[in-house]
Protein backbone atom coordinates (compact mmCIF):
# COMPACT_ATOMS: atom_id res chain seq x y z
CA MET A 1 22.24 -2.29 -62.25
CA MET A 2 20.03 -0.93 -64.52
CA ALA A 3 17.20 0.15 -62.02
CA GLU A 4 19.93 2.29 -60.20
CA GLU A 5 20.72 3.90 -63.62
CA GLU A 6 17.42 4.43 -64.51
CA LYS A 7 16.98 6.18 -61.01
CA ALA A 8 20.02 8.35 -61.19
CA GLU A 9 18.55 9.84 -64.76
CA THR A 10 15.37 10.61 -62.71
CA GLY A 11 17.10 12.87 -60.23
CA GLY A 12 15.46 11.07 -57.30
CA TRP A 13 16.36 12.18 -53.82
CA ARG A 14 17.04 9.29 -51.46
CA PHE A 15 16.36 9.57 -47.41
CA PHE A 16 19.89 9.09 -47.12
CA PRO A 17 22.29 11.53 -47.79
CA HIS A 18 19.99 13.76 -49.71
CA TRP A 19 16.95 14.54 -47.07
CA VAL A 20 19.11 13.86 -44.12
CA LEU A 21 21.54 16.66 -45.15
CA THR A 22 18.67 19.02 -46.08
CA LEU A 23 16.71 19.08 -43.19
CA SER A 24 19.74 18.79 -40.86
CA ALA A 25 20.76 22.25 -42.76
CA LEU A 26 17.57 23.57 -42.25
CA MET A 27 17.58 22.77 -38.15
CA VAL A 28 20.78 24.56 -38.10
CA LEU A 29 19.10 27.33 -39.25
CA VAL A 30 16.39 27.31 -37.19
CA LEU A 31 17.84 26.56 -33.82
CA ALA A 32 20.61 29.66 -35.06
CA ALA A 33 17.47 31.71 -35.22
CA ALA A 34 16.18 30.84 -31.74
CA GLY A 35 19.39 31.26 -30.05
CA VAL A 36 19.83 35.00 -32.08
CA LEU A 37 16.35 36.20 -30.79
CA ALA A 38 17.26 34.67 -27.18
CA THR A 39 20.21 36.72 -27.05
CA LEU A 40 18.55 39.60 -28.32
CA PHE A 41 15.27 39.33 -25.75
CA PRO A 42 16.34 37.49 -22.98
CA VAL A 43 13.48 36.82 -20.34
CA PRO A 44 14.02 39.26 -17.28
CA ASP A 45 14.60 36.33 -14.79
CA ASP A 46 16.39 38.59 -12.01
CA ALA A 47 13.66 39.43 -10.08
CA PRO A 48 13.39 40.64 -7.09
CA GLU A 49 16.80 42.47 -8.07
CA MET A 50 15.67 43.73 -11.06
CA ILE A 51 12.21 43.62 -11.64
CA PRO A 52 10.47 44.61 -14.83
CA TYR A 53 7.48 46.52 -15.77
CA PRO A 54 4.01 44.61 -16.03
CA ASP A 55 3.99 45.76 -19.48
CA ASP A 56 7.60 44.80 -20.70
CA GLY A 57 7.55 42.41 -23.59
CA GLU A 58 4.73 43.96 -26.33
CA ASN A 59 5.66 43.28 -30.09
CA ILE A 60 8.86 40.96 -28.57
CA PRO A 61 8.68 37.14 -30.23
CA GLY A 62 8.09 34.85 -27.78
CA PRO A 63 6.92 30.84 -27.53
CA GLU A 64 3.78 32.16 -25.94
CA TRP A 65 2.82 33.82 -29.31
CA VAL A 66 2.01 30.22 -30.45
CA PHE A 67 -0.71 29.27 -28.01
CA LEU A 68 -2.22 32.74 -27.75
CA MET A 69 -3.63 31.92 -30.99
CA PHE A 70 -5.47 29.10 -29.95
CA TRP A 71 -6.86 31.59 -27.12
CA LEU A 72 -7.88 34.17 -29.43
CA PRO A 73 -11.66 33.31 -29.39
CA PHE A 74 -11.86 33.70 -25.69
CA TRP A 75 -10.90 37.58 -26.49
CA TYR A 76 -13.41 37.88 -29.23
CA LEU A 77 -16.17 35.56 -28.30
CA LYS A 78 -17.56 36.29 -25.06
CA GLY A 79 -20.83 37.43 -23.37
CA ARG A 80 -23.85 36.78 -26.17
CA LEU A 81 -20.84 35.45 -28.45
CA LYS A 82 -19.81 32.47 -26.05
CA LYS A 83 -22.14 29.90 -28.35
CA TYR A 84 -19.64 29.99 -31.10
CA LEU A 85 -16.51 28.96 -28.74
CA PHE A 86 -16.63 25.44 -30.81
CA ILE A 87 -14.60 27.10 -33.19
CA THR A 88 -11.36 26.85 -30.79
CA ALA A 89 -11.89 22.78 -31.48
CA LEU A 90 -12.61 23.36 -34.99
CA ILE A 91 -9.45 25.24 -36.04
CA PRO A 92 -6.75 22.44 -34.81
CA ILE A 93 -9.05 19.79 -36.36
CA GLY A 94 -9.22 21.71 -39.82
CA ILE A 95 -5.25 22.60 -39.75
CA VAL A 96 -4.72 18.59 -38.93
CA VAL A 97 -6.93 17.68 -42.17
CA TRP A 98 -5.36 19.79 -44.57
CA LEU A 99 -2.09 18.58 -43.54
CA ILE A 100 -3.45 15.21 -44.29
CA LEU A 101 -4.58 15.58 -47.05
CA MET A 102 -1.57 17.45 -48.67
CA PRO A 103 0.57 14.80 -49.94
CA PHE A 104 -2.69 14.11 -51.99
CA TYR A 105 -2.80 17.86 -53.67
CA HIS A 106 -1.03 16.72 -56.67
CA LYS A 107 -3.23 14.25 -58.04
CA ILE A 108 -6.56 16.48 -57.62
CA PRO A 109 -7.73 16.58 -61.42
CA PHE A 110 -7.36 20.47 -61.67
CA ASP A 111 -6.94 20.21 -65.28
CA ARG A 112 -10.59 19.22 -65.96
CA ILE A 113 -11.77 22.98 -64.73
CA PRO A 114 -12.51 24.79 -67.85
CA GLY A 115 -9.80 27.13 -68.92
CA LEU A 116 -6.98 25.61 -66.26
CA LYS A 117 -6.67 21.98 -68.41
CA GLY A 118 -3.74 23.75 -70.79
CA LEU A 119 -1.87 25.46 -67.98
CA PHE A 120 -1.68 22.26 -65.64
CA ALA A 121 -0.60 20.06 -68.34
CA LYS A 122 2.20 22.36 -68.74
CA ILE A 123 2.93 22.50 -65.00
CA ARG A 124 2.82 18.75 -65.04
CA GLY A 125 5.20 18.73 -68.04
CA MET A 126 7.83 20.75 -66.39
CA LYS A 127 10.98 19.25 -65.05
CA SER A 128 11.41 18.98 -61.76
CA GLY A 129 12.86 22.12 -60.09
CA PHE A 130 12.75 24.58 -58.02
CA ILE A 131 10.00 26.46 -59.93
CA LYS A 132 7.72 23.12 -60.29
CA SER A 133 8.15 22.70 -56.60
CA PHE A 134 6.92 26.11 -55.84
CA ILE A 135 3.70 25.80 -57.34
CA PHE A 136 2.98 22.50 -56.01
CA ALA A 137 3.71 23.95 -52.50
CA ILE A 138 1.39 26.88 -52.59
CA PRO A 139 -1.06 25.15 -50.63
CA MET A 140 1.20 24.75 -47.69
CA ILE A 141 2.78 28.35 -48.53
CA ILE A 142 -0.41 29.57 -47.88
CA LEU A 143 -1.23 27.45 -44.55
CA GLY A 144 2.12 29.12 -43.32
CA LEU A 145 1.23 32.55 -44.10
CA ALA A 146 -2.41 32.08 -42.36
CA LEU A 147 -0.74 30.36 -39.10
CA GLY A 148 2.03 33.14 -39.01
CA GLY A 149 -0.26 35.97 -39.28
CA GLY A 150 -2.58 34.38 -36.76
CA ILE A 151 0.28 34.06 -34.27
CA TYR A 152 1.57 37.65 -35.26
CA GLN A 153 -1.91 39.11 -34.75
CA SER A 154 -2.78 37.22 -31.79
CA GLY A 155 0.43 37.48 -29.91
CA HIS A 156 2.08 40.69 -30.94
CA GLN A 157 0.22 42.46 -28.21
CA ALA A 158 1.02 40.20 -25.07
CA LYS A 159 3.09 41.61 -22.46
CA VAL A 160 5.23 38.47 -22.28
CA LEU A 161 8.12 39.67 -20.46
CA GLY A 162 6.73 41.17 -17.70
CA CYS A 163 5.40 38.26 -15.48
CA ASP A 164 8.05 38.65 -13.12
CA SER A 165 7.11 41.86 -12.35
CA CYS A 166 4.21 40.45 -10.14
CA HIS A 167 4.88 36.72 -10.06
CA ASN A 168 8.38 36.44 -7.81
CA PRO A 169 9.19 35.51 -4.17
CA ALA A 170 8.83 39.19 -3.16
CA MET A 171 5.48 39.60 -3.88
CA GLY A 172 4.36 36.58 -1.33
CA PRO A 173 2.58 33.32 -1.30
CA ARG A 174 1.20 32.21 -4.58
CA MET A 175 2.51 34.68 -6.55
CA ALA A 176 5.62 32.91 -7.29
CA VAL A 177 4.49 29.46 -6.24
CA PRO A 178 1.36 27.43 -7.59
CA PRO A 179 -0.89 26.15 -5.29
CA VAL A 180 -0.22 23.04 -3.32
CA ASP A 181 -3.12 21.49 -4.93
CA VAL A 182 -4.22 22.43 -7.97
CA ALA A 183 -7.34 20.40 -8.59
CA LYS A 184 -8.83 21.85 -5.22
CA TYR A 185 -7.65 25.29 -5.99
CA TYR A 186 -9.56 25.29 -9.47
CA GLU A 187 -12.30 23.23 -8.07
CA VAL A 188 -12.97 25.30 -4.79
CA GLU A 189 -11.25 28.71 -4.43
CA ARG A 190 -11.19 29.58 -8.15
CA ALA A 191 -14.87 28.45 -8.59
CA MET A 192 -15.85 30.53 -5.72
CA GLN A 193 -14.04 33.50 -7.04
CA ILE A 194 -15.76 33.34 -10.63
CA GLY A 195 -19.18 33.20 -8.37
CA VAL A 196 -18.58 36.19 -6.20
CA GLY A 197 -16.89 38.34 -8.63
CA LYS A 198 -18.63 37.27 -11.75
CA TYR A 199 -19.12 40.43 -14.37
CA ARG A 200 -17.95 43.13 -11.70
CA ALA A 201 -13.81 42.74 -12.36
CA GLY A 202 -14.32 42.36 -15.91
CA LYS A 203 -14.80 45.22 -18.38
CA SER A 204 -18.29 46.43 -18.62
CA GLY A 205 -20.25 45.81 -22.12
CA GLY A 206 -21.53 49.36 -22.11
CA VAL A 207 -24.19 51.46 -20.38
CA ASP A 208 -27.79 51.54 -20.15
CA GLU A 209 -30.35 53.89 -20.70
CA SER A 210 -29.92 55.73 -17.87
CA GLY A 211 -26.26 55.67 -17.92
CA ALA A 212 -25.42 52.82 -15.68
CA GLN A 213 -22.73 50.39 -16.45
CA ILE A 214 -23.84 47.14 -17.61
CA TYR A 215 -22.08 44.23 -16.13
CA SER A 216 -24.53 40.97 -16.83
CA ASP A 217 -24.39 38.63 -19.88
CA SER A 218 -27.82 39.37 -20.89
CA GLY A 219 -27.15 43.05 -21.48
CA GLY A 220 -23.69 43.22 -22.69
CA ASP A 221 -20.54 41.38 -23.45
CA ALA A 222 -18.45 41.81 -20.41
CA GLY A 223 -16.19 39.32 -18.91
CA GLY A 224 -16.31 37.98 -15.70
CA TYR A 225 -13.49 37.78 -12.81
CA LYS A 226 -11.33 34.79 -13.29
CA ASP A 227 -13.51 33.12 -16.36
CA ALA A 228 -12.73 31.33 -19.41
CA ASP A 229 -11.46 34.48 -20.93
CA TRP A 230 -9.63 36.06 -18.13
CA GLN A 231 -6.13 34.47 -18.83
CA MET A 232 -6.49 36.01 -22.07
CA ARG A 233 -7.45 39.71 -20.97
CA HIS A 234 -4.46 39.06 -18.39
CA MET A 235 -1.90 38.55 -20.98
CA TYR A 236 -3.00 41.61 -22.86
CA GLU A 237 -3.56 43.92 -20.02
CA PRO A 238 -1.81 42.59 -17.16
CA THR A 239 -2.38 45.95 -14.86
CA PHE A 240 -5.80 45.99 -15.31
CA THR A 241 -6.92 42.53 -15.39
CA TRP A 242 -5.23 40.86 -11.78
């Protein structure tokens, strides 16, 4: 009986009903936001009766924005910069490590830093409430802002609604239906496309001294046909990269 009274005095929240109701209300808001966005920006799926333009969808939020953020290095790190593509693996690892360390954030002895001892002592002495919770949530807020900025920066220019312009049954085989043997397609046909069209279908890396276009990896940052960054270029410039 005494233990329950002491717990009530500390104002601690229990998993049920406090956290269950709070998180349930939050998820209702998330689902409502998804429903509103889906209603305002529906995917044009009436092809071939109503075919969208290839460039439709720029600056319209879509789930593609999330994974485009992890594809973004393929857009910039090409040609002589390909050696830095290992960053694509380090970023998710860094995010996971950050999330793992967050529960221990409040145990970091920031008050030992000169000039901050009084400030952190005052924060630790505050009663539980919105302000104290906000201060301790600052690292997660920073992470959320960074992820949100990365998602917007990498996704807003993608033409996420224009896929049906070309990828529909009216355009013939393989434009709407994937290959029967996907493994064979990538190992044989896709490899042949890369070998034959290498550096010829992508953007050039500039011009040489004579004014001729540079397409080689040694002379510029040109992208190759169906290479690693082809899909990224196709999402950003579908009418140029196809």
